[in-house]
C-alpha atoms as a PDB file:
ATOM      1  CA  MET A   1      19.392  -4.203 -11.585  1.00  0.00           C
ATOM      2  CA  ASP A   2      18.255  -4.617  -7.973  1.00  0.00           C
ATOM      3  CA  ILE A   3      19.284  -8.064  -6.666  1.00  0.00           C
ATOM      4  CA  ARG A   4      18.369  -9.155  -3.143  1.00  0.00           C
ATOM      5  CA  ILE A   5      18.875 -12.385  -1.221  1.00  0.00           C
ATOM      6  CA  GLY A   6      16.823 -13.542   1.750  1.00  0.00           C
ATOM      7  CA  ILE A   7      17.158 -16.460   4.145  1.00  0.00           C
ATOM      8  CA  GLY A   8      14.279 -18.172   5.919  1.00  0.00           C
ATOM      9  CA  PHE A   9      14.147 -20.848   8.574  1.00  0.00           C
ATOM     10  CA  ASP A  10      11.342 -22.648  10.359  1.00  0.00           C
ATOM     11  CA  ILE A  11      10.956 -25.673  12.611  1.00  0.00           C
ATOM     12  CA  HIS A  12       7.881 -27.387  14.038  1.00  0.00           C
ATOM     13  CA  ARG A  13       7.389 -30.336  16.352  1.00  0.00           C
ATOM     14  CA  LEU A  14       5.843 -33.533  14.931  1.00  0.00           C
ATOM     15  CA  VAL A  15       2.657 -34.553  16.757  1.00  0.00           C
ATOM     16  CA  ASP A  16      -0.098 -37.134  16.448  1.00  0.00           C
ATOM     17  CA  GLY A  17      -3.485 -36.060  15.119  1.00  0.00           C
ATOM     18  CA  ARG A  18      -2.350 -33.441  12.579  1.00  0.00           C
ATOM     19  CA  ARG A  19      -2.092 -33.493   8.795  1.00  0.00           C
ATOM     20  CA  LEU A  20       1.441 -33.323   7.417  1.00  0.00           C
ATOM     21  CA  VAL A  21       1.661 -30.526   4.852  1.00  0.00           C
ATOM     22  CA  LEU A  22       5.021 -29.698   3.271  1.00  0.00           C
ATOM     23  CA  GLY A  23       5.420 -27.252   0.414  1.00  0.00           C
ATOM     24  CA  GLY A  24       1.660 -27.054   0.009  1.00  0.00           C
ATOM     25  CA  VAL A  25       1.391 -30.813  -0.495  1.00  0.00           C
ATOM     26  CA  GLU A  26      -0.373 -33.083   1.992  1.00  0.00           C
ATOM     27  CA  LEU A  27       1.709 -36.203   2.620  1.00  0.00           C
ATOM     28  CA  GLU A  28       0.599 -39.532   4.021  1.00  0.00           C
ATOM     29  CA  SER A  29       1.921 -39.711   7.558  1.00  0.00           C
ATOM     30  CA  SER A  30       0.882 -40.838  11.007  1.00  0.00           C
ATOM     31  CA  VAL A  31       2.101 -37.491  12.394  1.00  0.00           C
ATOM     32  CA  GLY A  32       1.853 -33.855  11.361  1.00  0.00           C
ATOM     33  CA  LEU A  33       3.441 -30.541  12.259  1.00  0.00           C
ATOM     34  CA  GLU A  34       2.257 -28.684  15.323  1.00  0.00           C
ATOM     35  CA  GLY A  35       1.596 -25.018  14.688  1.00  0.00           C
ATOM     36  CA  HIS A  36      -0.934 -22.223  14.826  1.00  0.00           C
ATOM     37  CA  SER A  37      -1.426 -22.536  11.055  1.00  0.00           C
ATOM     38  CA  ASP A  38      -0.995 -25.793   9.123  1.00  0.00           C
ATOM     39  CA  GLY A  39       2.676 -25.768  10.225  1.00  0.00           C
ATOM     40  CA  ASP A  40       4.086 -26.027   6.676  1.00  0.00           C
ATOM     41  CA  VAL A  41       7.774 -25.399   7.415  1.00  0.00           C
ATOM     42  CA  ILE A  42       8.697 -25.179   3.721  1.00  0.00           C
ATOM     43  CA  LEU A  43       6.210 -22.434   2.880  1.00  0.00           C
ATOM     44  CA  HIS A  44       6.993 -20.630   6.147  1.00  0.00           C
ATOM     45  CA  ALA A  45      10.741 -20.606   5.432  1.00  0.00           C
ATOM     46  CA  ILE A  46      10.240 -19.421   1.833  1.00  0.00           C
ATOM     47  CA  THR A  47       7.796 -16.726   2.997  1.00  0.00           C
ATOM     48  CA  ASP A  48      10.337 -15.478   5.537  1.00  0.00           C
ATOM     49  CA  ALA A  49      13.100 -15.506   2.917  1.00  0.00           C
ATOM     50  CA  ILE A  50      11.015 -13.402   0.509  1.00  0.00           C
ATOM     51  CA  LEU A  51      10.020 -10.948   3.230  1.00  0.00           C
ATOM     52  CA  GLY A  52      13.656 -10.710   4.341  1.00  0.00           C
ATOM     53  CA  ALA A  53      15.000 -10.142   0.835  1.00  0.00           C
ATOM     54  CA  ALA A  54      12.422  -7.399   0.287  1.00  0.00           C
ATOM     55  CA  GLY A  55      13.189  -5.799   3.666  1.00  0.00           C
ATOM     56  CA  LEU A  56       9.599  -6.340   4.819  1.00  0.00           C
ATOM     57  CA  GLY A  57      10.052  -7.938   8.229  1.00  0.00           C
ATOM     58  CA  ASP A  58       9.204 -11.528   9.029  1.00  0.00           C
ATOM     59  CA  ILE A  59       6.287 -13.933   8.891  1.00  0.00           C
ATOM     60  CA  GLY A  60       5.392 -13.369  12.557  1.00  0.00           C
ATOM     61  CA  GLU A  61       4.888  -9.653  11.955  1.00  0.00           C
ATOM     62  CA  HIS A  62       2.506 -10.290   9.068  1.00  0.00           C
ATOM     63  CA  PHE A  63       0.752 -13.374  10.507  1.00  0.00           C
ATOM     64  CA  PRO A  64       1.079 -13.427  14.313  1.00  0.00           C
ATOM     65  CA  ASP A  65       0.414 -16.769  15.968  1.00  0.00           C
ATOM     66  CA  THR A  66      -1.712 -14.932  18.517  1.00  0.00           C
ATOM     67  CA  ASP A  67      -4.273 -13.960  15.854  1.00  0.00           C
ATOM     68  CA  PRO A  68      -7.178 -16.434  15.666  1.00  0.00           C
ATOM     69  CA  GLU A  69      -7.624 -15.544  11.977  1.00  0.00           C
ATOM     70  CA  TRP A  70      -4.567 -17.676  11.175  1.00  0.00           C
ATOM     71  CA  LYS A  71      -5.561 -20.726  13.281  1.00  0.00           C
ATOM     72  CA  ASP A  72      -5.106 -23.801  11.049  1.00  0.00           C
ATOM     73  CA  ALA A  73      -4.609 -21.487   8.022  1.00  0.00           C
ATOM     74  CA  ASP A  74      -3.254 -22.782   4.722  1.00  0.00           C
ATOM     75  CA  SER A  75       0.320 -21.482   4.588  1.00  0.00           C
ATOM     76  CA  ALA A  76      -0.045 -20.881   0.842  1.00  0.00           C
ATOM     77  CA  ALA A  77      -1.853 -17.659   1.846  1.00  0.00           C
ATOM     78  CA  PHE A  78       1.298 -16.493   3.657  1.00  0.00           C
ATOM     79  CA  LEU A  79       3.511 -17.191   0.664  1.00  0.00           C
ATOM     80  CA  LEU A  80       1.120 -15.525  -1.798  1.00  0.00           C
ATOM     81  CA  HIS A  81       1.021 -12.453   0.478  1.00  0.00           C
ATOM     82  CA  ALA A  82       4.833 -12.227   0.517  1.00  0.00           C
ATOM     83  CA  VAL A  83       5.018 -12.595  -3.280  1.00  0.00           C
ATOM     84  CA  LYS A  84       2.391  -9.847  -3.694  1.00  0.00           C
ATOM     85  CA  LEU A  85       4.305  -7.501  -1.383  1.00  0.00           C
ATOM     86  CA  ALA A  86       7.571  -8.146  -3.236  1.00  0.00           C
ATOM     87  CA  ASP A  87       5.771  -7.483  -6.530  1.00  0.00           C
ATOM     88  CA  GLN A  88       4.600  -4.115  -5.193  1.00  0.00           C
ATOM     89  CA  TRP A  89       8.312  -3.252  -4.870  1.00  0.00           C
ATOM     90  CA  ASN A  90       8.913  -4.507  -8.456  1.00  0.00           C
ATOM     91  CA  LEU A  91      10.787  -7.543  -7.144  1.00  0.00           C
ATOM     92  CA  GLU A  92      10.346 -10.967  -8.731  1.00  0.00           C
ATOM     93  CA  VAL A  93      11.513 -14.358  -7.548  1.00  0.00           C
ATOM     94  CA  GLY A  94      14.660 -15.335  -9.414  1.00  0.00           C
ATOM     95  CA  ASN A  95      15.118 -18.698  -7.727  1.00  0.00           C
ATOM     96  CA  VAL A  96      14.539 -20.574  -4.475  1.00  0.00           C
ATOM     97  CA  ASP A  97      16.763 -23.200  -2.853  1.00  0.00           C
ATOM     98  CA  VAL A  98      15.296 -25.225   0.017  1.00  0.00           C
ATOM     99  CA  ASN A  99      16.786 -27.658   2.553  1.00  0.00           C
ATOM    100  CA  VAL A 100      14.170 -29.743   4.357  1.00  0.00           C
ATOM    101  CA  LEU A 101      15.651 -31.220   7.532  1.00  0.00           C
ATOM    102  CA  ALA A 102      13.755 -34.367   8.486  1.00  0.00           C
ATOM    103  CA  GLU A 103      14.453 -37.850   9.720  1.00  0.00           C
ATOM    104  CA  ARG A 104      10.904 -38.906   8.908  1.00  0.00           C
ATOM    105  CA  PRO A 105       9.035 -39.230   6.647  1.00  0.00           C
ATOM    106  CA  LYS A 106      11.412 -39.839   3.747  1.00  0.00           C
ATOM    107  CA  LEU A 107      10.710 -37.066   1.234  1.00  0.00           C
ATOM    108  CA  GLY A 108      12.322 -38.461  -1.904  1.00  0.00           C
ATOM    109  CA  PRO A 109       9.073 -39.578  -3.535  1.00  0.00           C
ATOM    110  CA  ALA A 110       7.335 -36.232  -2.779  1.00  0.00           C
ATOM    111  CA  LYS A 111      10.095 -33.793  -3.778  1.00  0.00           C
ATOM    112  CA  LYS A 112       8.952 -33.453  -7.394  1.00  0.00           C
ATOM    113  CA  GLU A 113       5.357 -32.684  -6.379  1.00  0.00           C
ATOM    114  CA  ILE A 114       6.511 -30.212  -3.705  1.00  0.00           C
ATOM    115  CA  ARG A 115       8.758 -28.492  -6.253  1.00  0.00           C
ATOM    116  CA  ARG A 116       5.874 -28.200  -8.725  1.00  0.00           C
ATOM    117  CA  ARG A 117       3.499 -26.785  -6.071  1.00  0.00           C
ATOM    118  CA  VAL A 118       6.024 -24.262  -4.732  1.00  0.00           C
ATOM    119  CA  ALA A 119       6.781 -23.079  -8.281  1.00  0.00           C
ATOM    120  CA  GLU A 120       3.062 -22.730  -8.952  1.00  0.00           C
ATOM    121  CA  LEU A 121       2.564 -20.617  -5.814  1.00  0.00           C
ATOM    122  CA  LEU A 122       5.558 -18.434  -6.681  1.00  0.00           C
ATOM    123  CA  GLY A 123       4.461 -18.039 -10.297  1.00  0.00           C
ATOM    124  CA  VAL A 124       7.789 -19.296 -11.659  1.00  0.00           C
ATOM    125  CA  ASP A 125       8.972 -22.254 -13.723  1.00  0.00           C
ATOM    126  CA  ALA A 126       9.838 -25.351 -11.703  1.00  0.00           C
ATOM    127  CA  ASP A 127      13.484 -25.089 -12.762  1.00  0.00           C
ATOM    128  CA  ARG A 128      13.731 -22.022 -10.506  1.00  0.00           C
ATOM    129  CA  VAL A 129      12.832 -24.070  -7.421  1.00  0.00           C
ATOM    130  CA  ASN A 130      15.112 -26.642  -5.806  1.00  0.00           C
ATOM    131  CA  ILE A 131      13.971 -28.906  -2.982  1.00  0.00           C
ATOM    132  CA  LYS A 132      16.580 -30.915  -1.072  1.00  0.00           C
ATOM    133  CA  ALA A 133      15.932 -33.349   1.764  1.00  0.00           C
ATOM    134  CA  ARG A 134      18.489 -33.853   4.506  1.00  0.00           C
ATOM    135  CA  THR A 135      18.561 -36.002   7.611  1.00  0.00           C
ATOM    136  CA  MET A 136      20.221 -34.869  10.808  1.00  0.00           C
ATOM    137  CA  GLU A 137      22.016 -38.213  11.278  1.00  0.00           C
ATOM    138  CA  GLN A 138      19.849 -38.947  14.340  1.00  0.00           C
ATOM    139  CA  LEU A 139      21.171 -35.872  16.175  1.00  0.00           C
ATOM    140  CA  GLY A 140      18.954 -33.480  18.128  1.00  0.00           C
ATOM    141  CA  PRO A 141      15.150 -33.198  17.997  1.00  0.00           C
ATOM    142  CA  ILE A 142      15.028 -33.369  14.192  1.00  0.00           C
ATOM    143  CA  GLY A 143      17.360 -36.364  14.088  1.00  0.00           C
ATOM    144  CA  GLU A 144      15.322 -38.091  16.779  1.00  0.00           C
ATOM    145  CA  GLY A 145      12.196 -37.706  14.590  1.00  0.00           C
ATOM    146  CA  GLN A 146      10.547 -35.179  16.912  1.00  0.00           C
ATOM    147  CA  ALA A 147      10.507 -32.231  14.488  1.00  0.00           C
ATOM    148  CA  ILE A 148      10.996 -31.073  10.905  1.00  0.00           C
ATOM    149  CA  GLY A 149      12.966 -27.973  10.016  1.00  0.00           C
ATOM    150  CA  CYS A 150      13.517 -26.054   6.812  1.00  0.00           C
ATOM    151  CA  GLN A 151      16.000 -23.518   5.463  1.00  0.00           C
ATOM    152  CA  ALA A 152      15.249 -21.480   2.356  1.00  0.00           C
ATOM    153  CA  VAL A 153      17.258 -19.008   0.311  1.00  0.00           C
ATOM    154  CA  VAL A 154      15.473 -16.756  -2.178  1.00  0.00           C
ATOM    155  CA  LEU A 155      16.865 -14.436  -4.795  1.00  0.00           C
ATOM    156  CA  LEU A 156      14.631 -11.492  -5.712  1.00  0.00           C
ATOM    157  CA  ALA A 157      15.415  -9.316  -8.715  1.00  0.00           C
ATOM    158  CA  GLY A 158      14.013  -6.013  -9.875  1.00  0.00           C
ATOM    159  CA  PRO A 159      14.742  -3.238 -12.312  1.00  0.00           C
END
């Protein structure tokens, strides 16, 4: 059996006047994530982890932020692309573990919905997706509420 592990990371600045989308779920917030696409750090980190595990580069190679096609794009398209590429190599998502690093907003109430949406996008049962929320104890730009970051680890398995 072919077992591969990938790690993804993303961070975006919080700004006024943008929607806040995390894990494909739009959250009520007075601020959103700055980015060329919708800035969804969760889907970006998982996409990068899948691409890394499959040995297929990184999200910037597939979806450059200099390409106007991806301006304000739904990051679900990035994740679905990575899953399709992994599938072409006969690799399936075994499980995903995610750390969302945010001081604000509090994600507790949204974690279940984010987990369900990520599982849906990946085509796996929700018990294969874990979403954790962490603060940065008021340290650095994330801890000061200026940004949200995300780490993701993905296990891909094939024949």
